[in-house]
Amino acid sequence: MTNAAVGLLEVYGLVTAFMSADAGCKAGNVELELFDKNKPKNPESLPVPLLVLVKFRGQVADVEAAMEAAMAEADRYAGYVQHFIIPSPTEDTEKMLKICAFDTR
């Protein structure tokens, strides 16, 4: 889904990512892209030592609705770190959105 808005939600842990993704998809007409992960340099100081990036794609209003629901759901679990919405990603940004540190086999 290129040229669609993208919502980026970085959460603590994989369970929080799945629960947030599910809530977001139910709240807006969005599609999910592959999750990504990030192991921070100070994992012992975090509630969960793995950060997971959830990526929603769709129309801006749908992405906004999905993000709102996903953030609320993340707060019910381990929480979220940060969130952003890119209304119209550039071609170069689109390339970077395909990067995924999870093993895709």
PDB file of N, CA and C in Angstrom:
ATOM      1  N   MET A   1       0.849  -1.174   0.000  1.00  0.00           N
ATOM      2  CA  MET A   1       0.000   0.000   0.000  1.00  0.00           C
ATOM      3  C   MET A   1       0.897   1.239   0.000  1.00  0.00           C
ATOM      4  N   THR A   2       1.510   1.531  -1.112  1.00  0.00           N
ATOM      5  CA  THR A   2       2.381   2.696  -1.192  1.00  0.00           C
ATOM      6  C   THR A   2       1.566   3.970  -1.332  1.00  0.00           C
ATOM      7  N   ASN A   3       2.169   5.076  -0.953  1.00  0.00           N
ATOM      8  CA  ASN A   3       1.552   6.408  -0.970  1.00  0.00           C
ATOM      9  C   ASN A   3       0.406   6.554   0.017  1.00  0.00           C
ATOM     10  N   ALA A   4       0.186   5.574   0.864  1.00  0.00           N
ATOM     11  CA  ALA A   4      -0.807   5.690   1.920  1.00  0.00           C
ATOM     12  C   ALA A   4      -0.106   6.233   3.160  1.00  0.00           C
ATOM     13  N   ALA A   5      -0.872   6.837   4.036  1.00  0.00           N
ATOM     14  CA  ALA A   5      -0.307   7.309   5.292  1.00  0.00           C
ATOM     15  C   ALA A   5       0.236   6.117   6.071  1.00  0.00           C
ATOM     16  N   VAL A   6       1.206   6.384   6.923  1.00  0.00           N
ATOM     17  CA  VAL A   6       1.758   5.335   7.771  1.00  0.00           C
ATOM     18  C   VAL A   6       1.745   5.826   9.212  1.00  0.00           C
ATOM     19  N   GLY A   7       1.299   4.948  10.093  1.00  0.00           N
ATOM     20  CA  GLY A   7       1.349   5.209  11.526  1.00  0.00           C
ATOM     21  C   GLY A   7       2.392   4.301  12.135  1.00  0.00           C
ATOM     22  N   LEU A   8       3.287   4.878  12.918  1.00  0.00           N
ATOM     23  CA  LEU A   8       4.370   4.127  13.554  1.00  0.00           C
ATOM     24  C   LEU A   8       4.165   4.182  15.056  1.00  0.00           C
ATOM     25  N   LEU A   9       4.046   3.031  15.680  1.00  0.00           N
ATOM     26  CA  LEU A   9       3.844   2.947  17.123  1.00  0.00           C
ATOM     27  C   LEU A   9       4.886   2.003  17.702  1.00  0.00           C
ATOM     28  N   GLU A  10       5.769   2.537  18.526  1.00  0.00           N
ATOM     29  CA  GLU A  10       6.815   1.731  19.158  1.00  0.00           C
ATOM     30  C   GLU A  10       6.338   1.364  20.557  1.00  0.00           C
ATOM     31  N   VAL A  11       6.241   0.055  20.812  1.00  0.00           N
ATOM     32  CA  VAL A  11       5.701  -0.445  22.079  1.00  0.00           C
ATOM     33  C   VAL A  11       6.718  -1.332  22.786  1.00  0.00           C
ATOM     34  N   TYR A  12       6.454  -1.571  24.060  1.00  0.00           N
ATOM     35  CA  TYR A  12       7.279  -2.482  24.854  1.00  0.00           C
ATOM     36  C   TYR A  12       6.763  -3.910  24.701  1.00  0.00           C
ATOM     37  N   GLY A  13       7.510  -4.773  24.029  1.00  0.00           N
ATOM     38  CA  GLY A  13       7.211  -6.194  23.977  1.00  0.00           C
ATOM     39  C   GLY A  13       6.315  -6.638  22.841  1.00  0.00           C
ATOM     40  N   LEU A  14       6.456  -7.907  22.514  1.00  0.00           N
ATOM     41  CA  LEU A  14       5.721  -8.490  21.394  1.00  0.00           C
ATOM     42  C   LEU A  14       4.234  -8.665  21.694  1.00  0.00           C
ATOM     43  N   VAL A  15       3.889  -9.048  22.918  1.00  0.00           N
ATOM     44  CA  VAL A  15       2.470  -9.198  23.256  1.00  0.00           C
ATOM     45  C   VAL A  15       1.755  -7.857  23.131  1.00  0.00           C
ATOM     46  N   THR A  16       2.372  -6.806  23.637  1.00  0.00           N
ATOM     47  CA  THR A  16       1.781  -5.469  23.515  1.00  0.00           C
ATOM     48  C   THR A  16       1.631  -5.098  22.044  1.00  0.00           C
ATOM     49  N   ALA A  17       2.605  -5.463  21.221  1.00  0.00           N
ATOM     50  CA  ALA A  17       2.528  -5.173  19.786  1.00  0.00           C
ATOM     51  C   ALA A  17       1.330  -5.875  19.150  1.00  0.00           C
ATOM     52  N   PHE A  18       1.133  -7.149  19.460  1.00  0.00           N
ATOM     53  CA  PHE A  18       0.005  -7.887  18.878  1.00  0.00           C
ATOM     54  C   PHE A  18      -1.335  -7.323  19.342  1.00  0.00           C
ATOM     55  N   MET A  19      -1.432  -7.031  20.630  1.00  0.00           N
ATOM     56  CA  MET A  19      -2.693  -6.507  21.158  1.00  0.00           C
ATOM     57  C   MET A  19      -2.990  -5.122  20.580  1.00  0.00           C
ATOM     58  N   SER A  20      -1.967  -4.293  20.461  1.00  0.00           N
ATOM     59  CA  SER A  20      -2.138  -2.951  19.894  1.00  0.00           C
ATOM     60  C   SER A  20      -2.492  -3.016  18.413  1.00  0.00           C
ATOM     61  N   ALA A  21      -1.833  -3.892  17.695  1.00  0.00           N
ATOM     62  CA  ALA A  21      -2.112  -4.055  16.265  1.00  0.00           C
ATOM     63  C   ALA A  21      -3.558  -4.499  16.052  1.00  0.00           C
ATOM     64  N   ASP A  22      -4.011  -5.434  16.853  1.00  0.00           N
ATOM     65  CA  ASP A  22      -5.379  -5.930  16.737  1.00  0.00           C
ATOM     66  C   ASP A  22      -6.385  -4.810  17.003  1.00  0.00           C
ATOM     67  N   ALA A  23      -6.163  -4.052  18.061  1.00  0.00           N
ATOM     68  CA  ALA A  23      -7.065  -2.946  18.393  1.00  0.00           C
ATOM     69  C   ALA A  23      -7.066  -1.894  17.288  1.00  0.00           C
ATOM     70  N   GLY A  24      -5.897  -1.587  16.746  1.00  0.00           N
ATOM     71  CA  GLY A  24      -5.799  -0.594  15.689  1.00  0.00           C
ATOM     72  C   GLY A  24      -6.518  -1.016  14.424  1.00  0.00           C
ATOM     73  N   CYS A  25      -6.354  -2.275  14.057  1.00  0.00           N
ATOM     74  CA  CYS A  25      -7.004  -2.778  12.836  1.00  0.00           C
ATOM     75  C   CYS A  25      -8.521  -2.816  12.978  1.00  0.00           C
ATOM     76  N   LYS A  26      -9.005  -3.005  14.188  1.00  0.00           N
ATOM     77  CA  LYS A  26     -10.452  -3.009  14.421  1.00  0.00           C
ATOM     78  C   LYS A  26     -11.024  -1.594  14.440  1.00  0.00           C
ATOM     79  N   ALA A  27     -10.189  -0.597  14.736  1.00  0.00           N
ATOM     80  CA  ALA A  27     -10.658   0.781  14.868  1.00  0.00           C
ATOM     81  C   ALA A  27     -10.641   1.565  13.556  1.00  0.00           C
ATOM     82  N   GLY A  28      -9.772   1.175  12.649  1.00  0.00           N
ATOM     83  CA  GLY A  28      -9.656   1.905  11.384  1.00  0.00           C
ATOM     84  C   GLY A  28      -9.480   0.949  10.228  1.00  0.00           C
ATOM     85  N   ASN A  29      -9.813   1.406   9.047  1.00  0.00           N
ATOM     86  CA  ASN A  29      -9.645   0.596   7.847  1.00  0.00           C
ATOM     87  C   ASN A  29      -8.182   0.681   7.410  1.00  0.00           C
ATOM     88  N   VAL A  30      -7.337  -0.093   8.099  1.00  0.00           N
ATOM     89  CA  VAL A  30      -5.891  -0.049   7.877  1.00  0.00           C
ATOM     90  C   VAL A  30      -5.354  -1.453   7.617  1.00  0.00           C
ATOM     91  N   GLU A  31      -4.156  -1.481   7.065  1.00  0.00           N
ATOM     92  CA  GLU A  31      -3.429  -2.728   6.897  1.00  0.00           C
ATOM     93  C   GLU A  31      -2.172  -2.643   7.753  1.00  0.00           C
ATOM     94  N   LEU A  32      -1.696  -3.788   8.183  1.00  0.00           N
ATOM     95  CA  LEU A  32      -0.448  -3.856   8.929  1.00  0.00           C
ATOM     96  C   LEU A  32       0.701  -4.163   7.993  1.00  0.00           C
ATOM     97  N   GLU A  33       1.836  -3.567   8.258  1.00  0.00           N
ATOM     98  CA  GLU A  33       3.073  -3.982   7.605  1.00  0.00           C
ATOM     99  C   GLU A  33       3.839  -4.809   8.629  1.00  0.00           C
ATOM    100  N   LEU A  34       4.928  -5.418   8.200  1.00  0.00           N
ATOM    101  CA  LEU A  34       5.711  -6.246   9.113  1.00  0.00           C
ATOM    102  C   LEU A  34       6.137  -5.460  10.341  1.00  0.00           C
ATOM    103  N   PHE A  35       6.052  -6.105  11.504  1.00  0.00           N
ATOM    104  CA  PHE A  35       6.587  -5.509  12.720  1.00  0.00           C
ATOM    105  C   PHE A  35       8.100  -5.402  12.570  1.00  0.00           C
ATOM    106  N   ASP A  36       8.690  -4.507  13.296  1.00  0.00           N
ATOM    107  CA  ASP A  36      10.149  -4.417  13.376  1.00  0.00           C
ATOM    108  C   ASP A  36      10.520  -4.414  14.845  1.00  0.00           C
ATOM    109  N   LYS A  37      11.760  -4.689  15.156  1.00  0.00           N
ATOM    110  CA  LYS A  37      12.180  -4.728  16.558  1.00  0.00           C
ATOM    111  C   LYS A  37      13.447  -3.919  16.753  1.00  0.00           C
ATOM    112  N   ASN A  38      13.647  -3.545  17.988  1.00  0.00           N
ATOM    113  CA  ASN A  38      14.813  -2.775  18.358  1.00  0.00           C
ATOM    114  C   ASN A  38      15.201  -3.170  19.772  1.00  0.00           C
ATOM    115  N   LYS A  39      16.419  -3.582  19.949  1.00  0.00           N
ATOM    116  CA  LYS A  39      16.904  -3.897  21.291  1.00  0.00           C
ATOM    117  C   LYS A  39      17.676  -2.674  21.780  1.00  0.00           C
ATOM    118  N   PRO A  40      17.126  -1.968  22.757  1.00  0.00           N
ATOM    119  CA  PRO A  40      17.780  -0.754  23.235  1.00  0.00           C
ATOM    120  C   PRO A  40      19.060  -1.048  23.994  1.00  0.00           C
ATOM    121  N   LYS A  41      19.891  -0.024  24.155  1.00  0.00           N
ATOM    122  CA  LYS A  41      21.169  -0.217  24.841  1.00  0.00           C
ATOM    123  C   LYS A  41      20.999  -0.375  26.344  1.00  0.00           C
ATOM    124  N   ASN A  42      19.849  -0.038  26.897  1.00  0.00           N
ATOM    125  CA  ASN A  42      19.611  -0.148  28.332  1.00  0.00           C
ATOM    126  C   ASN A  42      18.387  -1.015  28.650  1.00  0.00           C
ATOM    127  N   PRO A  43      18.347  -2.265  28.172  1.00  0.00           N
ATOM    128  CA  PRO A  43      17.130  -3.069  28.323  1.00  0.00           C
ATOM    129  C   PRO A  43      16.741  -3.338  29.773  1.00  0.00           C
ATOM    130  N   GLU A  44      17.722  -3.376  30.665  1.00  0.00           N
ATOM    131  CA  GLU A  44      17.414  -3.679  32.065  1.00  0.00           C
ATOM    132  C   GLU A  44      16.600  -2.567  32.737  1.00  0.00           C
ATOM    133  N   SER A  45      16.596  -1.380  32.171  1.00  0.00           N
ATOM    134  CA  SER A  45      15.854  -0.271  32.773  1.00  0.00           C
ATOM    135  C   SER A  45      14.439  -0.138  32.212  1.00  0.00           C
ATOM    136  N   LEU A  46      14.059  -0.998  31.264  1.00  0.00           N
ATOM    137  CA  LEU A  46      12.750  -0.904  30.618  1.00  0.00           C
ATOM    138  C   LEU A  46      11.771  -1.921  31.191  1.00  0.00           C
ATOM    139  N   PRO A  47      10.466  -1.658  31.062  1.00  0.00           N
ATOM    140  CA  PRO A  47       9.469  -2.626  31.540  1.00  0.00           C
ATOM    141  C   PRO A  47       9.577  -3.974  30.831  1.00  0.00           C
ATOM    142  N   VAL A  48       9.900  -3.960  29.551  1.00  0.00           N
ATOM    143  CA  VAL A  48      10.113  -5.155  28.735  1.00  0.00           C
ATOM    144  C   VAL A  48      11.347  -4.851  27.881  1.00  0.00           C
ATOM    145  N   PRO A  49      12.318  -5.762  27.806  1.00  0.00           N
ATOM    146  CA  PRO A  49      13.592  -5.429  27.146  1.00  0.00           C
ATOM    147  C   PRO A  49      13.583  -5.427  25.613  1.00  0.00           C
ATOM    148  N   LEU A  50      12.430  -5.488  25.010  1.00  0.00           N
ATOM    149  CA  LEU A  50      12.344  -5.481  23.551  1.00  0.00           C
ATOM    150  C   LEU A  50      11.354  -4.409  23.120  1.00  0.00           C
ATOM    151  N   LEU A  51      11.780  -3.570  22.182  1.00  0.00           N
ATOM    152  CA  LEU A  51      10.876  -2.576  21.599  1.00  0.00           C
ATOM    153  C   LEU A  51      10.418  -3.091  20.244  1.00  0.00           C
ATOM    154  N   VAL A  52       9.125  -3.011  19.985  1.00  0.00           N
ATOM    155  CA  VAL A  52       8.556  -3.492  18.727  1.00  0.00           C
ATOM    156  C   VAL A  52       7.838  -2.329  18.049  1.00  0.00           C
ATOM    157  N   LEU A  53       8.070  -2.192  16.752  1.00  0.00           N
ATOM    158  CA  LEU A  53       7.446  -1.142  15.964  1.00  0.00           C
ATOM    159  C   LEU A  53       6.277  -1.726  15.185  1.00  0.00           C
ATOM    160  N   VAL A  54       5.081  -1.190  15.443  1.00  0.00           N
ATOM    161  CA  VAL A  54       3.873  -1.583  14.735  1.00  0.00           C
ATOM    162  C   VAL A  54       3.636  -0.526  13.661  1.00  0.00           C
ATOM    163  N   LYS A  55       3.354  -0.984  12.429  1.00  0.00           N
ATOM    164  CA  LYS A  55       3.176  -0.061  11.309  1.00  0.00           C
ATOM    165  C   LYS A  55       1.794  -0.253  10.687  1.00  0.00           C
ATOM    166  N   PHE A  56       0.975   0.812  10.745  1.00  0.00           N
ATOM    167  CA  PHE A  56      -0.350   0.814  10.134  1.00  0.00           C
ATOM    168  C   PHE A  56      -0.295   1.601   8.832  1.00  0.00           C
ATOM    169  N   ARG A  57      -1.030   1.136   7.805  1.00  0.00           N
ATOM    170  CA  ARG A  57      -1.099   1.847   6.522  1.00  0.00           C
ATOM    171  C   ARG A  57      -2.555   2.044   6.134  1.00  0.00           C
ATOM    172  N   GLY A  58      -2.856   3.223   5.595  1.00  0.00           N
ATOM    173  CA  GLY A  58      -4.203   3.508   5.130  1.00  0.00           C
ATOM    174  C   GLY A  58      -4.393   4.996   4.922  1.00  0.00           C
ATOM    175  N   GLN A  59      -5.650   5.402   4.803  1.00  0.00           N
ATOM    176  CA  GLN A  59      -5.970   6.821   4.699  1.00  0.00           C
ATOM    177  C   GLN A  59      -5.658   7.494   6.042  1.00  0.00           C
ATOM    178  N   VAL A  60      -5.342   8.781   6.002  1.00  0.00           N
ATOM    179  CA  VAL A  60      -4.911   9.495   7.210  1.00  0.00           C
ATOM    180  C   VAL A  60      -5.908   9.334   8.362  1.00  0.00           C
ATOM    181  N   ALA A  61      -7.190   9.540   8.102  1.00  0.00           N
ATOM    182  CA  ALA A  61      -8.198   9.442   9.165  1.00  0.00           C
ATOM    183  C   ALA A  61      -8.248   8.032   9.758  1.00  0.00           C
ATOM    184  N   ASP A  62      -8.111   7.020   8.918  1.00  0.00           N
ATOM    185  CA  ASP A  62      -8.115   5.637   9.408  1.00  0.00           C
ATOM    186  C   ASP A  62      -6.868   5.344  10.229  1.00  0.00           C
ATOM    187  N   VAL A  63      -5.733   5.834   9.779  1.00  0.00           N
ATOM    188  CA  VAL A  63      -4.490   5.634  10.526  1.00  0.00           C
ATOM    189  C   VAL A  63      -4.571   6.340  11.879  1.00  0.00           C
ATOM    190  N   GLU A  64      -5.143   7.542  11.892  1.00  0.00           N
ATOM    191  CA  GLU A  64      -5.314   8.265  13.158  1.00  0.00           C
ATOM    192  C   GLU A  64      -6.194   7.474  14.130  1.00  0.00           C
ATOM    193  N   ALA A  65      -7.297   6.929  13.634  1.00  0.00           N
ATOM    194  CA  ALA A  65      -8.191   6.129  14.484  1.00  0.00           C
ATOM    195  C   ALA A  65      -7.485   4.873  14.984  1.00  0.00           C
ATOM    196  N   ALA A  66      -6.744   4.229  14.094  1.00  0.00           N
ATOM    197  CA  ALA A  66      -6.008   3.018  14.475  1.00  0.00           C
ATOM    198  C   ALA A  66      -4.960   3.329  15.537  1.00  0.00           C
ATOM    199  N   MET A  67      -4.238   4.417  15.348  1.00  0.00           N
ATOM    200  CA  MET A  67      -3.190   4.786  16.303  1.00  0.00           C
ATOM    201  C   MET A  67      -3.776   5.095  17.676  1.00  0.00           C
ATOM    202  N   GLU A  68      -4.879   5.819  17.700  1.00  0.00           N
ATOM    203  CA  GLU A  68      -5.515   6.161  18.977  1.00  0.00           C
ATOM    204  C   GLU A  68      -5.912   4.898  19.740  1.00  0.00           C
ATOM    205  N   ALA A  69      -6.558   3.970  19.034  1.00  0.00           N
ATOM    206  CA  ALA A  69      -6.969   2.713  19.667  1.00  0.00           C
ATOM    207  C   ALA A  69      -5.761   1.878  20.088  1.00  0.00           C
ATOM    208  N   ALA A  70      -4.742   1.836  19.238  1.00  0.00           N
ATOM    209  CA  ALA A  70      -3.546   1.040  19.531  1.00  0.00           C
ATOM    210  C   ALA A  70      -2.791   1.591  20.738  1.00  0.00           C
ATOM    211  N   MET A  71      -2.694   2.910  20.845  1.00  0.00           N
ATOM    212  CA  MET A  71      -2.010   3.507  21.992  1.00  0.00           C
ATOM    213  C   MET A  71      -2.771   3.231  23.286  1.00  0.00           C
ATOM    214  N   ALA A  72      -4.090   3.320  23.232  1.00  0.00           N
ATOM    215  CA  ALA A  72      -4.899   3.014  24.414  1.00  0.00           C
ATOM    216  C   ALA A  72      -4.708   1.558  24.831  1.00  0.00           C
ATOM    217  N   GLU A  73      -4.670   0.666  23.855  1.00  0.00           N
ATOM    218  CA  GLU A  73      -4.471  -0.762  24.156  1.00  0.00           C
ATOM    219  C   GLU A  73      -3.067  -1.005  24.700  1.00  0.00           C
ATOM    220  N   ALA A  74      -2.072  -0.350  24.129  1.00  0.00           N
ATOM    221  CA  ALA A  74      -0.693  -0.507  24.617  1.00  0.00           C
ATOM    222  C   ALA A  74      -0.598  -0.085  26.082  1.00  0.00           C
ATOM    223  N   ASP A  75      -1.317   0.966  26.448  1.00  0.00           N
ATOM    224  CA  ASP A  75      -1.303   1.430  27.841  1.00  0.00           C
ATOM    225  C   ASP A  75      -1.896   0.406  28.799  1.00  0.00           C
ATOM    226  N   ARG A  76      -2.730  -0.491  28.298  1.00  0.00           N
ATOM    227  CA  ARG A  76      -3.298  -1.553  29.140  1.00  0.00           C
ATOM    228  C   ARG A  76      -2.268  -2.643  29.412  1.00  0.00           C
ATOM    229  N   TYR A  77      -1.225  -2.699  28.623  1.00  0.00           N
ATOM    230  CA  TYR A  77      -0.184  -3.722  28.778  1.00  0.00           C
ATOM    231  C   TYR A  77       1.100  -3.049  29.235  1.00  0.00           C
ATOM    232  N   ALA A  78       2.178  -3.191  28.509  1.00  0.00           N
ATOM    233  CA  ALA A  78       3.470  -2.656  28.939  1.00  0.00           C
ATOM    234  C   ALA A  78       3.680  -1.200  28.550  1.00  0.00           C
ATOM    235  N   GLY A  79       2.832  -0.666  27.667  1.00  0.00           N
ATOM    236  CA  GLY A  79       2.934   0.733  27.279  1.00  0.00           C
ATOM    237  C   GLY A  79       3.625   0.944  25.947  1.00  0.00           C
ATOM    238  N   TYR A  80       3.735   2.214  25.571  1.00  0.00           N
ATOM    239  CA  TYR A  80       4.402   2.549  24.323  1.00  0.00           C
ATOM    240  C   TYR A  80       5.450   3.623  24.569  1.00  0.00           C
ATOM    241  N   VAL A  81       6.402   3.701  23.645  1.00  0.00           N
ATOM    242  CA  VAL A  81       7.521   4.615  23.761  1.00  0.00           C
ATOM    243  C   VAL A  81       7.220   5.908  23.021  1.00  0.00           C
ATOM    244  N   GLN A  82       6.843   5.774  21.755  1.00  0.00           N
ATOM    245  CA  GLN A  82       6.577   6.943  20.927  1.00  0.00           C
ATOM    246  C   GLN A  82       5.667   6.559  19.767  1.00  0.00           C
ATOM    247  N   HIS A  83       5.107   7.586  19.115  1.00  0.00           N
ATOM    248  CA  HIS A  83       4.218   7.345  17.976  1.00  0.00           C
ATOM    249  C   HIS A  83       4.327   8.509  17.001  1.00  0.00           C
ATOM    250  N   PHE A  84       4.156   8.185  15.736  1.00  0.00           N
ATOM    251  CA  PHE A  84       4.228   9.179  14.672  1.00  0.00           C
ATOM    252  C   PHE A  84       3.288   8.771  13.555  1.00  0.00           C
ATOM    253  N   ILE A  85       2.774   9.763  12.835  1.00  0.00           N
ATOM    254  CA  ILE A  85       2.005   9.517  11.618  1.00  0.00           C
ATOM    255  C   ILE A  85       2.669  10.309  10.501  1.00  0.00           C
ATOM    256  N   ILE A  86       2.953   9.621   9.403  1.00  0.00           N
ATOM    257  CA  ILE A  86       3.487  10.276   8.205  1.00  0.00           C
ATOM    258  C   ILE A  86       2.358  10.267   7.176  1.00  0.00           C
ATOM    259  N   PRO A  87       1.754  11.430   6.901  1.00  0.00           N
ATOM    260  CA  PRO A  87       0.597  11.467   6.003  1.00  0.00           C
ATOM    261  C   PRO A  87       0.896  11.025   4.574  1.00  0.00           C
ATOM    262  N   SER A  88       2.078  11.351   4.067  1.00  0.00           N
ATOM    263  CA  SER A  88       2.413  11.024   2.686  1.00  0.00           C
ATOM    264  C   SER A  88       3.909  10.725   2.595  1.00  0.00           C
ATOM    265  N   PRO A  89       4.303   9.474   2.870  1.00  0.00           N
ATOM    266  CA  PRO A  89       5.731   9.132   2.862  1.00  0.00           C
ATOM    267  C   PRO A  89       6.367   9.319   1.486  1.00  0.00           C
ATOM    268  N   THR A  90       7.609   9.784   1.487  1.00  0.00           N
ATOM    269  CA  THR A  90       8.350   9.914   0.236  1.00  0.00           C
ATOM    270  C   THR A  90       8.758   8.531  -0.268  1.00  0.00           C
ATOM    271  N   GLU A  91       9.223   8.476  -1.484  1.00  0.00           N
ATOM    272  CA  GLU A  91       9.677   7.208  -2.063  1.00  0.00           C
ATOM    273  C   GLU A  91      10.819   6.607  -1.242  1.00  0.00           C
ATOM    274  N   ASP A  92      11.740   7.442  -0.792  1.00  0.00           N
ATOM    275  CA  ASP A  92      12.858   6.948   0.018  1.00  0.00           C
ATOM    276  C   ASP A  92      12.374   6.422   1.373  1.00  0.00           C
ATOM    277  N   THR A  93      11.408   7.104   1.961  1.00  0.00           N
ATOM    278  CA  THR A  93      10.842   6.630   3.227  1.00  0.00           C
ATOM    279  C   THR A  93      10.149   5.292   3.015  1.00  0.00           C
ATOM    280  N   GLU A  94       9.442   5.147   1.894  1.00  0.00           N
ATOM    281  CA  GLU A  94       8.776   3.877   1.580  1.00  0.00           C
ATOM    282  C   GLU A  94       9.781   2.723   1.582  1.00  0.00           C
ATOM    283  N   LYS A  95      10.955   2.953   1.024  1.00  0.00           N
ATOM    284  CA  LYS A  95      11.992   1.909   1.007  1.00  0.00           C
ATOM    285  C   LYS A  95      12.385   1.519   2.416  1.00  0.00           C
ATOM    286  N   MET A  96      12.547   2.506   3.275  1.00  0.00           N
ATOM    287  CA  MET A  96      12.981   2.253   4.645  1.00  0.00           C
ATOM    288  C   MET A  96      11.901   1.543   5.461  1.00  0.00           C
ATOM    289  N   LEU A  97      10.640   1.744   5.112  1.00  0.00           N
ATOM    290  CA  LEU A  97       9.547   1.098   5.836  1.00  0.00           C
ATOM    291  C   LEU A  97       9.551  -0.419   5.637  1.00  0.00           C
ATOM    292  N   LYS A  98      10.235  -0.889   4.612  1.00  0.00           N
ATOM    293  CA  LYS A  98      10.285  -2.327   4.326  1.00  0.00           C
ATOM    294  C   LYS A  98      11.338  -3.055   5.169  1.00  0.00           C
ATOM    295  N   ILE A  99      12.194  -2.312   5.836  1.00  0.00           N
ATOM    296  CA  ILE A  99      13.238  -2.937   6.670  1.00  0.00           C
ATOM    297  C   ILE A  99      12.591  -3.633   7.842  1.00  0.00           C
ATOM    298  N   CYS A 100      13.043  -4.837   8.144  1.00  0.00           N
ATOM    299  CA  CYS A 100      12.489  -5.614   9.244  1.00  0.00           C
ATOM    300  C   CYS A 100      13.588  -6.466   9.869  1.00  0.00           C
ATOM    301  N   ALA A 101      13.784  -6.302  11.174  1.00  0.00           N
ATOM    302  CA  ALA A 101      14.815  -7.058  11.877  1.00  0.00           C
ATOM    303  C   ALA A 101      14.344  -8.442  12.325  1.00  0.00           C
ATOM    304  N   PHE A 102      13.037  -8.698  12.271  1.00  0.00           N
ATOM    305  CA  PHE A 102      12.538 -10.032  12.608  1.00  0.00           C
ATOM    306  C   PHE A 102      12.887 -10.984  11.476  1.00  0.00           C
ATOM    307  N   ASP A 103      13.171 -12.220  11.807  1.00  0.00           N
ATOM    308  CA  ASP A 103      13.427 -13.244  10.797  1.00  0.00           C
ATOM    309  C   ASP A 103      12.136 -13.513  10.048  1.00  0.00           C
ATOM    310  N   THR A 104      12.117 -13.330   8.745  1.00  0.00           N
ATOM    311  CA  THR A 104      10.885 -13.480   7.962  1.00  0.00           C
ATOM    312  C   THR A 104      10.752 -14.838   7.296  1.00  0.00           C
ATOM    313  N   ARG A 105      11.539 -15.789   7.706  1.00  0.00           N
ATOM    314  CA  ARG A 105      11.407 -17.126   7.111  1.00  0.00           C
ATOM    315  C   ARG A 105      10.156 -17.793   7.549  1.00  0.00           C
TER     316      ARG A 105
END
